[in-house]
Amino acid sequence: MNPIVTKMVGRGMEEFNKLVGDQELTATTFRGFGAKDIKKFKMSPDAFVQCVIQVATTRLFGKSVGTYEASQVRVFRHGRTETTRSCSLETVELCKAMGMRNDGEWRRKEEAERRVGLLRKAANSHVGYLKKAAKGEGVDRHMFGLKMLLKPREKVPELFNNPIFNAAKTWRVSTSHLTHPSFDNWGWGEVVPNGVGIAYSIHGDRCVFNVTARKDTGYSRRLAQFLEDGMVETWGTIMTVMQGGSKL
């Protein structure tokens, strides 16, 4: 390599090391249950885990935030992805019921039944949005396409500069589900500086989470613990109802 190329490669290595050095990845495997058990509850495993993610991230940030789940639109030629918005009115109600910490109330049959009802509503809402997104009925790619149609120097419509519009597409939680028997660990970095990335796999007997965030936020390890806590509490709530003889 000539001196110019050598210098450019060296600069690229410095930038790469800086980028990687600022990241923290926490990989955790939850072995309490998996997809087989969740299906017995007659619920989508992905929807269940997304609800747990909402509980965990709400506890991390102190509020519900914009959450992205990549969904496939393969029914269309050259179709790639659409956004499934995992944070909904139904998940917000579930998170309110679960609280900001484990209060142990899920061990009471009456309260457990209430929370399970909210869980099912939230999961059904998620599945409904996911199905619409897969049919090309999501909103995010549509709005993105409209913005890309703008010609050079064409005036940008006020909507695209609206603070509420931009806040609605700020993904502090970026998630994606991919399960394959040959691997568990995969993922990517957060998509906004104060956000997190959650790559997860749902196997028959376990769930794997790979959580990324910037080191200076301290989010990665904390969120991994919140996810494990959320899995225990949410499933414990279901078990309380089932052991009480209620029909699910």
C-alpha atoms as a PDB file:
ATOM      1  CA  MET A   1       0.000   0.000   0.000  1.00  0.00           C
ATOM      2  CA  ASN A   2       1.194   3.517  -0.702  1.00  0.00           C
ATOM      3  CA  PRO A   3       1.512   6.031   2.190  1.00  0.00           C
ATOM      4  CA  ILE A   4      -1.863   7.649   1.487  1.00  0.00           C
ATOM      5  CA  VAL A   5      -3.765   4.342   1.641  1.00  0.00           C
ATOM      6  CA  THR A   6      -1.824   3.286   4.749  1.00  0.00           C
ATOM      7  CA  LYS A   7      -2.777   6.528   6.469  1.00  0.00           C
ATOM      8  CA  MET A   8      -6.444   6.102   5.526  1.00  0.00           C
ATOM      9  CA  VAL A   9      -6.502   2.515   6.816  1.00  0.00           C
ATOM     10  CA  GLY A  10      -4.915   3.638  10.074  1.00  0.00           C
ATOM     11  CA  ARG A  11      -7.485   6.389  10.482  1.00  0.00           C
ATOM     12  CA  GLY A  12     -10.260   3.894   9.747  1.00  0.00           C
ATOM     13  CA  MET A  13      -8.932   1.538  12.432  1.00  0.00           C
ATOM     14  CA  GLU A  14      -8.891   4.357  14.963  1.00  0.00           C
ATOM     15  CA  GLU A  15     -12.502   5.257  14.203  1.00  0.00           C
ATOM     16  CA  PHE A  16     -13.534   1.602  14.330  1.00  0.00           C
ATOM     17  CA  ASN A  17     -11.867   1.004  17.698  1.00  0.00           C
ATOM     18  CA  LYS A  18     -13.455   4.158  19.080  1.00  0.00           C
ATOM     19  CA  LEU A  19     -16.897   3.050  17.921  1.00  0.00           C
ATOM     20  CA  VAL A  20     -16.525  -0.482  19.287  1.00  0.00           C
ATOM     21  CA  GLY A  21     -14.940   0.711  22.513  1.00  0.00           C
ATOM     22  CA  ASP A  22     -17.971   2.859  23.282  1.00  0.00           C
ATOM     23  CA  GLN A  23     -20.336  -0.122  23.101  1.00  0.00           C
ATOM     24  CA  GLU A  24     -21.397  -2.517  25.817  1.00  0.00           C
ATOM     25  CA  LEU A  25     -23.079  -5.831  25.066  1.00  0.00           C
ATOM     26  CA  THR A  26     -24.786  -7.984  27.665  1.00  0.00           C
ATOM     27  CA  ALA A  27     -25.906 -11.449  26.579  1.00  0.00           C
ATOM     28  CA  THR A  28     -28.254 -13.336  28.866  1.00  0.00           C
ATOM     29  CA  THR A  29     -30.042 -16.667  28.515  1.00  0.00           C
ATOM     30  CA  PHE A  30     -33.282 -17.163  30.415  1.00  0.00           C
ATOM     31  CA  ARG A  31     -33.902 -20.877  30.975  1.00  0.00           C
ATOM     32  CA  GLY A  32     -37.100 -20.774  33.022  1.00  0.00           C
ATOM     33  CA  PHE A  33     -39.346 -21.486  30.029  1.00  0.00           C
ATOM     34  CA  GLY A  34     -39.540 -21.021  26.267  1.00  0.00           C
ATOM     35  CA  ALA A  35     -41.761 -21.003  23.209  1.00  0.00           C
ATOM     36  CA  LYS A  36     -43.310 -24.407  23.977  1.00  0.00           C
ATOM     37  CA  ASP A  37     -44.612 -23.187  27.333  1.00  0.00           C
ATOM     38  CA  ILE A  38     -45.838 -19.845  25.992  1.00  0.00           C
ATOM     39  CA  LYS A  39     -47.813 -21.582  23.238  1.00  0.00           C
ATOM     40  CA  LYS A  40     -49.612 -23.672  25.870  1.00  0.00           C
ATOM     41  CA  PHE A  41     -50.948 -20.351  27.142  1.00  0.00           C
ATOM     42  CA  LYS A  42     -52.351 -19.837  23.619  1.00  0.00           C
ATOM     43  CA  MET A  43     -50.215 -16.775  23.020  1.00  0.00           C
ATOM     44  CA  SER A  44     -47.673 -15.786  20.393  1.00  0.00           C
ATOM     45  CA  PRO A  45     -44.172 -16.253  21.874  1.00  0.00           C
ATOM     46  CA  ASP A  46     -42.968 -13.121  20.073  1.00  0.00           C
ATOM     47  CA  ALA A  47     -45.877 -11.056  21.406  1.00  0.00           C
ATOM     48  CA  PHE A  48     -45.233 -12.369  24.924  1.00  0.00           C
ATOM     49  CA  VAL A  49     -41.557 -11.397  24.798  1.00  0.00           C
ATOM     50  CA  GLN A  50     -42.379  -7.993  23.315  1.00  0.00           C
ATOM     51  CA  CYS A  51     -44.709  -7.361  26.268  1.00  0.00           C
ATOM     52  CA  VAL A  52     -41.910  -8.311  28.654  1.00  0.00           C
ATOM     53  CA  ILE A  53     -39.592  -5.938  26.777  1.00  0.00           C
ATOM     54  CA  GLN A  54     -42.114  -3.152  27.362  1.00  0.00           C
ATOM     55  CA  VAL A  55     -42.203  -3.881  31.088  1.00  0.00           C
ATOM     56  CA  ALA A  56     -38.399  -4.002  31.272  1.00  0.00           C
ATOM     57  CA  THR A  57     -37.712  -0.852  29.242  1.00  0.00           C
ATOM     58  CA  THR A  58     -40.403   1.092  31.093  1.00  0.00           C
ATOM     59  CA  ARG A  59     -38.601   0.259  34.322  1.00  0.00           C
ATOM     60  CA  LEU A  60     -35.279   1.240  32.773  1.00  0.00           C
ATOM     61  CA  PHE A  61     -36.376   4.621  31.398  1.00  0.00           C
ATOM     62  CA  GLY A  62     -39.126   5.379  33.902  1.00  0.00           C
ATOM     63  CA  LYS A  63     -41.701   5.631  31.114  1.00  0.00           C
ATOM     64  CA  SER A  64     -42.851   3.945  27.923  1.00  0.00           C
ATOM     65  CA  VAL A  65     -40.791   4.945  24.874  1.00  0.00           C
ATOM     66  CA  GLY A  66     -40.867   4.419  21.117  1.00  0.00           C
ATOM     67  CA  THR A  67     -40.119   0.781  20.333  1.00  0.00           C
ATOM     68  CA  TYR A  68     -39.284  -0.689  16.935  1.00  0.00           C
ATOM     69  CA  GLU A  69     -39.613  -4.320  15.918  1.00  0.00           C
ATOM     70  CA  ALA A  70     -38.535  -5.242  12.412  1.00  0.00           C
ATOM     71  CA  SER A  71     -41.291  -7.115  10.558  1.00  0.00           C
ATOM     72  CA  GLN A  72     -41.033  -8.782   7.159  1.00  0.00           C
ATOM     73  CA  VAL A  73     -43.065  -7.845   4.081  1.00  0.00           C
ATOM     74  CA  ARG A  74     -41.940 -10.761   1.924  1.00  0.00           C
ATOM     75  CA  VAL A  75     -45.368 -11.131   0.317  1.00  0.00           C
ATOM     76  CA  PHE A  76     -44.313  -8.222  -1.898  1.00  0.00           C
ATOM     77  CA  ARG A  77     -41.680  -8.480  -4.592  1.00  0.00           C
ATOM     78  CA  HIS A  78     -38.404  -7.073  -3.252  1.00  0.00           C
ATOM     79  CA  GLY A  79     -40.202  -6.542   0.061  1.00  0.00           C
ATOM     80  CA  ARG A  80     -37.891  -6.030   3.011  1.00  0.00           C
ATOM     81  CA  THR A  81     -39.138  -4.669   6.317  1.00  0.00           C
ATOM     82  CA  GLU A  82     -41.813  -2.541   7.938  1.00  0.00           C
ATOM     83  CA  THR A  83     -41.960  -1.149  11.452  1.00  0.00           C
ATOM     84  CA  THR A  84     -44.087  -2.849  14.054  1.00  0.00           C
ATOM     85  CA  ARG A  85     -44.678  -0.345  16.848  1.00  0.00           C
ATOM     86  CA  SER A  86     -44.495  -2.444  19.997  1.00  0.00           C
ATOM     87  CA  CYS A  87     -45.411   0.332  22.415  1.00  0.00           C
ATOM     88  CA  SER A  88     -49.201   0.664  22.437  1.00  0.00           C
ATOM     89  CA  LEU A  89     -52.000   1.868  24.691  1.00  0.00           C
ATOM     90  CA  GLU A  90     -52.459  -1.759  25.720  1.00  0.00           C
ATOM     91  CA  THR A  91     -48.806  -2.268  26.684  1.00  0.00           C
ATOM     92  CA  VAL A  92     -48.816   0.997  28.629  1.00  0.00           C
ATOM     93  CA  GLU A  93     -51.725  -0.303  30.728  1.00  0.00           C
ATOM     94  CA  LEU A  94     -49.881  -3.577  31.276  1.00  0.00           C
ATOM     95  CA  CYS A  95     -46.739  -1.742  32.392  1.00  0.00           C
ATOM     96  CA  LYS A  96     -48.752   0.374  34.816  1.00  0.00           C
ATOM     97  CA  ALA A  97     -50.173  -2.796  36.350  1.00  0.00           C
ATOM     98  CA  MET A  98     -46.762  -4.492  36.599  1.00  0.00           C
ATOM     99  CA  GLY A  99     -45.255  -1.409  38.232  1.00  0.00           C
ATOM    100  CA  MET A 100     -41.728  -0.045  38.322  1.00  0.00           C
ATOM    101  CA  ARG A 101     -40.494  -2.940  40.453  1.00  0.00           C
ATOM    102  CA  ASN A 102     -41.510  -6.400  41.589  1.00  0.00           C
ATOM    103  CA  ASP A 103     -44.174  -5.710  44.199  1.00  0.00           C
ATOM    104  CA  GLY A 104     -45.106  -9.370  44.678  1.00  0.00           C
ATOM    105  CA  GLU A 105     -48.756  -8.575  43.978  1.00  0.00           C
ATOM    106  CA  TRP A 106     -48.746 -11.039  41.093  1.00  0.00           C
ATOM    107  CA  ARG A 107     -48.895 -13.811  43.685  1.00  0.00           C
ATOM    108  CA  ARG A 108     -52.448 -12.771  44.622  1.00  0.00           C
ATOM    109  CA  LYS A 109     -55.011 -14.573  42.474  1.00  0.00           C
ATOM    110  CA  GLU A 110     -57.299 -11.565  41.909  1.00  0.00           C
ATOM    111  CA  GLU A 111     -54.451  -9.267  40.919  1.00  0.00           C
ATOM    112  CA  ALA A 112     -52.837 -11.985  38.807  1.00  0.00           C
ATOM    113  CA  GLU A 113     -56.073 -12.435  36.858  1.00  0.00           C
ATOM    114  CA  ARG A 114     -56.232  -8.696  36.207  1.00  0.00           C
ATOM    115  CA  ARG A 115     -52.653  -8.594  34.965  1.00  0.00           C
ATOM    116  CA  VAL A 116     -53.071 -11.675  32.792  1.00  0.00           C
ATOM    117  CA  GLY A 117     -56.084 -10.025  31.169  1.00  0.00           C
ATOM    118  CA  LEU A 118     -54.008  -6.939  30.396  1.00  0.00           C
ATOM    119  CA  LEU A 119     -51.166  -9.128  29.122  1.00  0.00           C
ATOM    120  CA  ARG A 120     -53.462 -10.914  26.711  1.00  0.00           C
ATOM    121  CA  LYS A 121     -54.900  -7.618  25.430  1.00  0.00           C
ATOM    122  CA  ALA A 122     -51.400  -6.222  24.901  1.00  0.00           C
ATOM    123  CA  ALA A 123     -50.207  -9.379  23.140  1.00  0.00           C
ATOM    124  CA  ASN A 124     -53.262  -9.491  20.868  1.00  0.00           C
ATOM    125  CA  SER A 125     -52.750  -5.835  19.990  1.00  0.00           C
ATOM    126  CA  HIS A 126     -49.132  -6.556  19.071  1.00  0.00           C
ATOM    127  CA  VAL A 127     -50.071  -9.503  16.863  1.00  0.00           C
ATOM    128  CA  GLY A 128     -52.691  -7.365  15.142  1.00  0.00           C
ATOM    129  CA  TYR A 129     -50.176  -4.625  14.326  1.00  0.00           C
ATOM    130  CA  LEU A 130     -47.614  -7.181  13.184  1.00  0.00           C
ATOM    131  CA  LYS A 131     -50.101  -8.721  10.748  1.00  0.00           C
ATOM    132  CA  LYS A 132     -51.012  -5.310   9.344  1.00  0.00           C
ATOM    133  CA  ALA A 133     -47.347  -4.396   8.933  1.00  0.00           C
ATOM    134  CA  ALA A 134     -46.693  -7.665   7.073  1.00  0.00           C
ATOM    135  CA  LYS A 135     -49.462  -6.728   4.615  1.00  0.00           C
ATOM    136  CA  GLY A 136     -47.909  -3.325   3.962  1.00  0.00           C
ATOM    137  CA  GLU A 137     -50.389  -1.483   6.152  1.00  0.00           C
ATOM    138  CA  GLY A 138     -47.828   0.072   8.482  1.00  0.00           C
ATOM    139  CA  VAL A 139     -47.248   3.820   8.635  1.00  0.00           C
ATOM    140  CA  ASP A 140     -43.484   4.226   8.918  1.00  0.00           C
ATOM    141  CA  ARG A 141     -42.300   2.982   5.522  1.00  0.00           C
ATOM    142  CA  HIS A 142     -45.167   4.883   3.873  1.00  0.00           C
ATOM    143  CA  MET A 143     -44.081   8.167   5.460  1.00  0.00           C
ATOM    144  CA  PHE A 144     -40.437   7.403   4.701  1.00  0.00           C
ATOM    145  CA  GLY A 145     -41.333   6.795   1.054  1.00  0.00           C
ATOM    146  CA  LEU A 146     -43.174  10.106   0.822  1.00  0.00           C
ATOM    147  CA  LYS A 147     -40.152  11.920   2.226  1.00  0.00           C
ATOM    148  CA  MET A 148     -37.826  10.207  -0.242  1.00  0.00           C
ATOM    149  CA  LEU A 149     -40.025  11.446  -3.113  1.00  0.00           C
ATOM    150  CA  LEU A 150     -39.066  15.040  -2.366  1.00  0.00           C
ATOM    151  CA  LYS A 151     -37.063  16.565  -5.173  1.00  0.00           C
ATOM    152  CA  PRO A 152     -33.777  18.407  -4.550  1.00  0.00           C
ATOM    153  CA  ARG A 153     -34.424  21.862  -3.053  1.00  0.00           C
ATOM    154  CA  GLU A 154     -38.153  21.113  -2.832  1.00  0.00           C
ATOM    155  CA  LYS A 155     -39.773  22.588   0.272  1.00  0.00           C
ATOM    156  CA  VAL A 156     -40.133  19.999   3.013  1.00  0.00           C
ATOM    157  CA  PRO A 157     -43.756  19.712   4.232  1.00  0.00           C
ATOM    158  CA  GLU A 158     -44.271  20.999   7.775  1.00  0.00           C
ATOM    159  CA  LEU A 159     -45.237  17.534   8.984  1.00  0.00           C
ATOM    160  CA  PHE A 160     -41.694  16.228   8.585  1.00  0.00           C
ATOM    161  CA  ASN A 161     -40.351  19.012  10.826  1.00  0.00           C
ATOM    162  CA  ASN A 162     -43.054  18.626  13.456  1.00  0.00           C
ATOM    163  CA  PRO A 163     -41.510  17.812  16.877  1.00  0.00           C
ATOM    164  CA  ILE A 164     -44.273  15.344  17.733  1.00  0.00           C
ATOM    165  CA  PHE A 165     -43.896  13.574  14.379  1.00  0.00           C
ATOM    166  CA  ASN A 166     -40.143  13.247  14.871  1.00  0.00           C
ATOM    167  CA  ALA A 167     -40.513  12.125  18.482  1.00  0.00           C
ATOM    168  CA  ALA A 168     -42.931   9.427  17.306  1.00  0.00           C
ATOM    169  CA  LYS A 169     -40.227   7.893  15.123  1.00  0.00           C
ATOM    170  CA  THR A 170     -37.375   8.126  17.610  1.00  0.00           C
ATOM    171  CA  TRP A 171     -36.615   4.548  18.546  1.00  0.00           C
ATOM    172  CA  ARG A 172     -35.038   4.431  21.991  1.00  0.00           C
ATOM    173  CA  VAL A 173     -35.739   0.707  21.905  1.00  0.00           C
ATOM    174  CA  SER A 174     -34.812  -1.129  18.701  1.00  0.00           C
ATOM    175  CA  THR A 175     -35.686  -4.837  18.659  1.00  0.00           C
ATOM    176  CA  SER A 176     -35.652  -7.803  16.332  1.00  0.00           C
ATOM    177  CA  HIS A 177     -36.493 -11.492  16.725  1.00  0.00           C
ATOM    178  CA  LEU A 178     -34.501 -14.222  15.028  1.00  0.00           C
ATOM    179  CA  THR A 179     -34.465 -17.827  16.205  1.00  0.00           C
ATOM    180  CA  HIS A 180     -32.247 -20.532  14.723  1.00  0.00           C
ATOM    181  CA  PRO A 181     -30.948 -23.711  16.392  1.00  0.00           C
ATOM    182  CA  SER A 182     -27.382 -23.046  15.248  1.00  0.00           C
ATOM    183  CA  PHE A 183     -26.761 -19.781  17.084  1.00  0.00           C
ATOM    184  CA  ASP A 184     -27.898 -17.601  19.960  1.00  0.00           C
ATOM    185  CA  ASN A 185     -25.723 -14.498  19.984  1.00  0.00           C
ATOM    186  CA  TRP A 186     -26.319 -11.760  17.444  1.00  0.00           C
ATOM    187  CA  GLY A 187     -27.326  -8.117  17.450  1.00  0.00           C
ATOM    188  CA  TRP A 188     -26.448  -4.530  16.610  1.00  0.00           C
ATOM    189  CA  GLY A 189     -25.895  -1.198  18.315  1.00  0.00           C
ATOM    190  CA  GLU A 190     -28.548   1.194  19.561  1.00  0.00           C
ATOM    191  CA  VAL A 191     -30.020   3.474  16.870  1.00  0.00           C
ATOM    192  CA  VAL A 192     -30.067   6.623  19.033  1.00  0.00           C
ATOM    193  CA  PRO A 193     -27.370   7.656  21.550  1.00  0.00           C
ATOM    194  CA  ASN A 194     -29.648   7.297  24.587  1.00  0.00           C
ATOM    195  CA  GLY A 195     -31.287   4.093  23.418  1.00  0.00           C
ATOM    196  CA  VAL A 196     -30.829   0.331  23.501  1.00  0.00           C
ATOM    197  CA  GLY A 197     -30.754  -2.507  21.004  1.00  0.00           C
ATOM    198  CA  ILE A 198     -32.398  -5.829  21.877  1.00  0.00           C
ATOM    199  CA  ALA A 199     -31.819  -8.852  19.657  1.00  0.00           C
ATOM    200  CA  TYR A 200     -33.621 -11.908  20.957  1.00  0.00           C
ATOM    201  CA  SER A 201     -34.247 -15.569  20.176  1.00  0.00           C
ATOM    202  CA  ILE A 202     -37.115 -17.673  21.525  1.00  0.00           C
ATOM    203  CA  HIS A 203     -36.226 -21.363  21.609  1.00  0.00           C
ATOM    204  CA  GLY A 204     -38.455 -24.160  22.798  1.00  0.00           C
ATOM    205  CA  ASP A 205     -36.984 -24.205  26.297  1.00  0.00           C
ATOM    206  CA  ARG A 206     -35.221 -20.846  26.692  1.00  0.00           C
ATOM    207  CA  CYS A 207     -35.099 -17.218  25.611  1.00  0.00           C
ATOM    208  CA  VAL A 208     -31.890 -15.408  24.698  1.00  0.00           C
ATOM    209  CA  PHE A 209     -31.424 -11.637  24.885  1.00  0.00           C
ATOM    210  CA  ASN A 210     -28.480  -9.663  23.489  1.00  0.00           C
ATOM    211  CA  VAL A 211     -28.669  -6.112  24.811  1.00  0.00           C
ATOM    212  CA  THR A 212     -26.497  -3.275  23.510  1.00  0.00           C
ATOM    213  CA  ALA A 213     -26.090   0.319  24.650  1.00  0.00           C
ATOM    214  CA  ARG A 214     -23.388   2.934  25.014  1.00  0.00           C
ATOM    215  CA  LYS A 215     -21.112   2.277  27.961  1.00  0.00           C
ATOM    216  CA  ASP A 216     -21.621   5.711  29.479  1.00  0.00           C
ATOM    217  CA  THR A 217     -25.377   5.094  29.863  1.00  0.00           C
ATOM    218  CA  GLY A 218     -25.026   1.928  31.924  1.00  0.00           C
ATOM    219  CA  TYR A 219     -28.194   0.633  30.258  1.00  0.00           C
ATOM    220  CA  SER A 220     -26.994  -2.715  28.932  1.00  0.00           C
ATOM    221  CA  ARG A 221     -26.507  -4.671  32.166  1.00  0.00           C
ATOM    222  CA  ARG A 222     -29.411  -3.002  33.930  1.00  0.00           C
ATOM    223  CA  LEU A 223     -31.818  -3.790  31.117  1.00  0.00           C
ATOM    224  CA  ALA A 224     -30.641  -7.399  30.944  1.00  0.00           C
ATOM    225  CA  GLN A 225     -31.589  -7.746  34.617  1.00  0.00           C
ATOM    226  CA  PHE A 226     -34.937  -6.022  34.078  1.00  0.00           C
ATOM    227  CA  LEU A 227     -35.659  -8.434  31.223  1.00  0.00           C
ATOM    228  CA  GLU A 228     -34.943 -11.445  33.408  1.00  0.00           C
ATOM    229  CA  ASP A 229     -37.069  -9.999  36.211  1.00  0.00           C
ATOM    230  CA  GLY A 230     -39.874  -9.287  33.760  1.00  0.00           C
ATOM    231  CA  MET A 231     -39.804 -12.842  32.427  1.00  0.00           C
ATOM    232  CA  VAL A 232     -40.012 -14.275  35.952  1.00  0.00           C
ATOM    233  CA  GLU A 233     -42.808 -11.956  37.077  1.00  0.00           C
ATOM    234  CA  THR A 234     -44.906 -12.223  33.925  1.00  0.00           C
ATOM    235  CA  TRP A 235     -44.735 -16.006  33.816  1.00  0.00           C
ATOM    236  CA  GLY A 236     -45.242 -16.178  37.568  1.00  0.00           C
ATOM    237  CA  THR A 237     -48.428 -14.163  37.119  1.00  0.00           C
ATOM    238  CA  ILE A 238     -49.700 -16.703  34.601  1.00  0.00           C
ATOM    239  CA  MET A 239     -48.801 -19.592  36.911  1.00  0.00           C
ATOM    240  CA  THR A 240     -50.691 -17.971  39.787  1.00  0.00           C
ATOM    241  CA  VAL A 241     -53.844 -17.893  37.670  1.00  0.00           C
ATOM    242  CA  MET A 242     -53.398 -21.424  36.333  1.00  0.00           C
ATOM    243  CA  GLN A 243     -52.755 -22.908  39.763  1.00  0.00           C
ATOM    244  CA  GLY A 244     -55.865 -21.152  40.998  1.00  0.00           C
ATOM    245  CA  GLY A 245     -57.949 -23.120  38.529  1.00  0.00           C
ATOM    246  CA  SER A 246     -58.945 -20.206  36.296  1.00  0.00           C
ATOM    247  CA  LYS A 247     -59.345 -20.846  32.591  1.00  0.00           C
ATOM    248  CA  LEU A 248     -56.923 -19.037  30.303  1.00  0.00           C
END
